[in-house]
Amino acid sequence: MSTAFDSIKQGLQEVIAHAQDDERGVRVHRPRAIDVKAVRAKVGMTQEPFAARFGFSTATLRHWERGDRNPQAVIEALA
């Protein structure tokens, strides 16, 4: 078979293995945890302008900063 076919076949096998929670031979990239409050403090913004600037609600930002919720799901969706 062709090199292109072999490459596609390997990619499909990796996807199937990953879907079956078999991560052998598969690279999974997970973003590091983010301290949202520290990032906000570093840029010198209060909660309201920070949330507005990046397009999420102030309530969501508060949840992230208190640790009630984690922004990782949003980050992974945007990645």
Protein backbone atom coordinates (compact mmCIF):
# COMPACT_ATOMS: atom_id res chain seq x y z
CA MET A 1 0.00 0.00 0.00
CA SER A 2 0.98 3.65 -0.26
CA THR A 3 2.66 5.72 2.43
CA ALA A 4 -0.44 7.94 2.61
CA PHE A 5 -2.63 4.90 3.26
CA ASP A 6 -0.31 3.64 5.99
CA SER A 7 -0.33 7.06 7.65
CA ILE A 8 -4.12 7.29 7.55
CA LYS A 9 -4.45 3.72 8.83
CA GLN A 10 -2.12 4.45 11.76
CA GLY A 11 -4.02 7.63 12.62
CA LEU A 12 -7.34 5.79 12.61
CA GLN A 13 -5.92 3.04 14.82
CA GLU A 14 -4.72 5.68 17.30
CA VAL A 15 -8.16 7.31 17.35
CA ILE A 16 -9.85 3.96 18.00
CA ALA A 17 -7.39 3.15 20.79
CA HIS A 18 -7.93 6.56 22.36
CA ALA A 19 -11.71 6.19 22.14
CA GLN A 20 -11.39 2.91 24.02
CA ASP A 21 -9.33 4.62 26.76
CA ASP A 22 -6.19 2.79 25.64
CA GLU A 23 -3.65 5.60 25.61
CA ARG A 24 -0.62 3.45 24.79
CA GLY A 25 1.19 5.09 21.91
CA VAL A 26 -1.13 8.09 21.95
CA ARG A 27 -0.01 11.54 23.06
CA VAL A 28 -2.61 13.35 25.09
CA HIS A 29 -1.93 17.02 25.74
CA ARG A 30 -3.61 18.44 28.81
CA PRO A 31 -3.28 22.13 29.61
CA ARG A 32 -1.78 23.09 32.97
CA ALA A 33 -4.09 24.31 35.71
CA ILE A 34 -4.59 28.05 35.60
CA ASP A 35 -4.81 30.37 38.61
CA VAL A 36 -7.33 32.78 37.13
CA LYS A 37 -7.18 35.14 40.09
CA ALA A 38 -3.38 35.44 39.74
CA VAL A 39 -3.69 36.12 36.01
CA ARG A 40 -6.31 38.79 36.66
CA ALA A 41 -4.16 40.38 39.37
CA LYS A 42 -1.12 40.34 37.11
CA VAL A 43 -2.93 42.35 34.44
CA GLY A 44 -4.29 44.69 37.11
CA MET A 45 -7.99 44.33 36.36
CA THR A 46 -10.99 43.97 38.63
CA GLN A 47 -13.41 41.11 38.07
CA GLU A 48 -16.01 42.97 36.00
CA PRO A 49 -13.71 44.41 33.30
CA PHE A 50 -11.66 41.19 33.17
CA ALA A 51 -14.74 39.04 32.59
CA ALA A 52 -16.12 41.47 30.01
CA ARG A 53 -12.79 41.68 28.18
CA PHE A 54 -12.60 37.91 27.72
CA GLY A 55 -16.29 37.28 27.11
CA PHE A 56 -17.56 35.40 30.16
CA SER A 57 -19.79 36.42 33.01
CA THR A 58 -18.55 37.87 36.28
CA ALA A 59 -20.35 35.02 38.07
CA THR A 60 -18.34 32.46 36.09
CA LEU A 61 -15.13 34.28 36.93
CA ARG A 62 -16.03 34.26 40.62
CA HIS A 63 -16.67 30.50 40.50
CA TRP A 64 -13.26 29.96 38.90
CA GLU A 65 -11.49 32.14 41.45
CA ARG A 66 -13.18 30.40 44.41
CA GLY A 67 -12.42 27.00 42.94
CA ASP A 68 -16.10 26.00 42.64
CA ARG A 69 -15.60 25.41 38.94
CA ASN A 70 -12.63 24.90 36.71
CA PRO A 71 -11.91 26.80 33.48
CA GLN A 72 -10.19 23.74 32.00
CA ALA A 73 -13.33 22.65 30.12
CA VAL A 74 -13.52 26.02 28.40
CA ILE A 75 -9.82 25.96 27.60
CA GLU A 76 -10.01 22.45 26.17
CA ALA A 77 -13.04 23.40 24.06
CA LEU A 78 -11.17 26.37 22.62
CA ALA A 79 -7.92 24.50 22.03
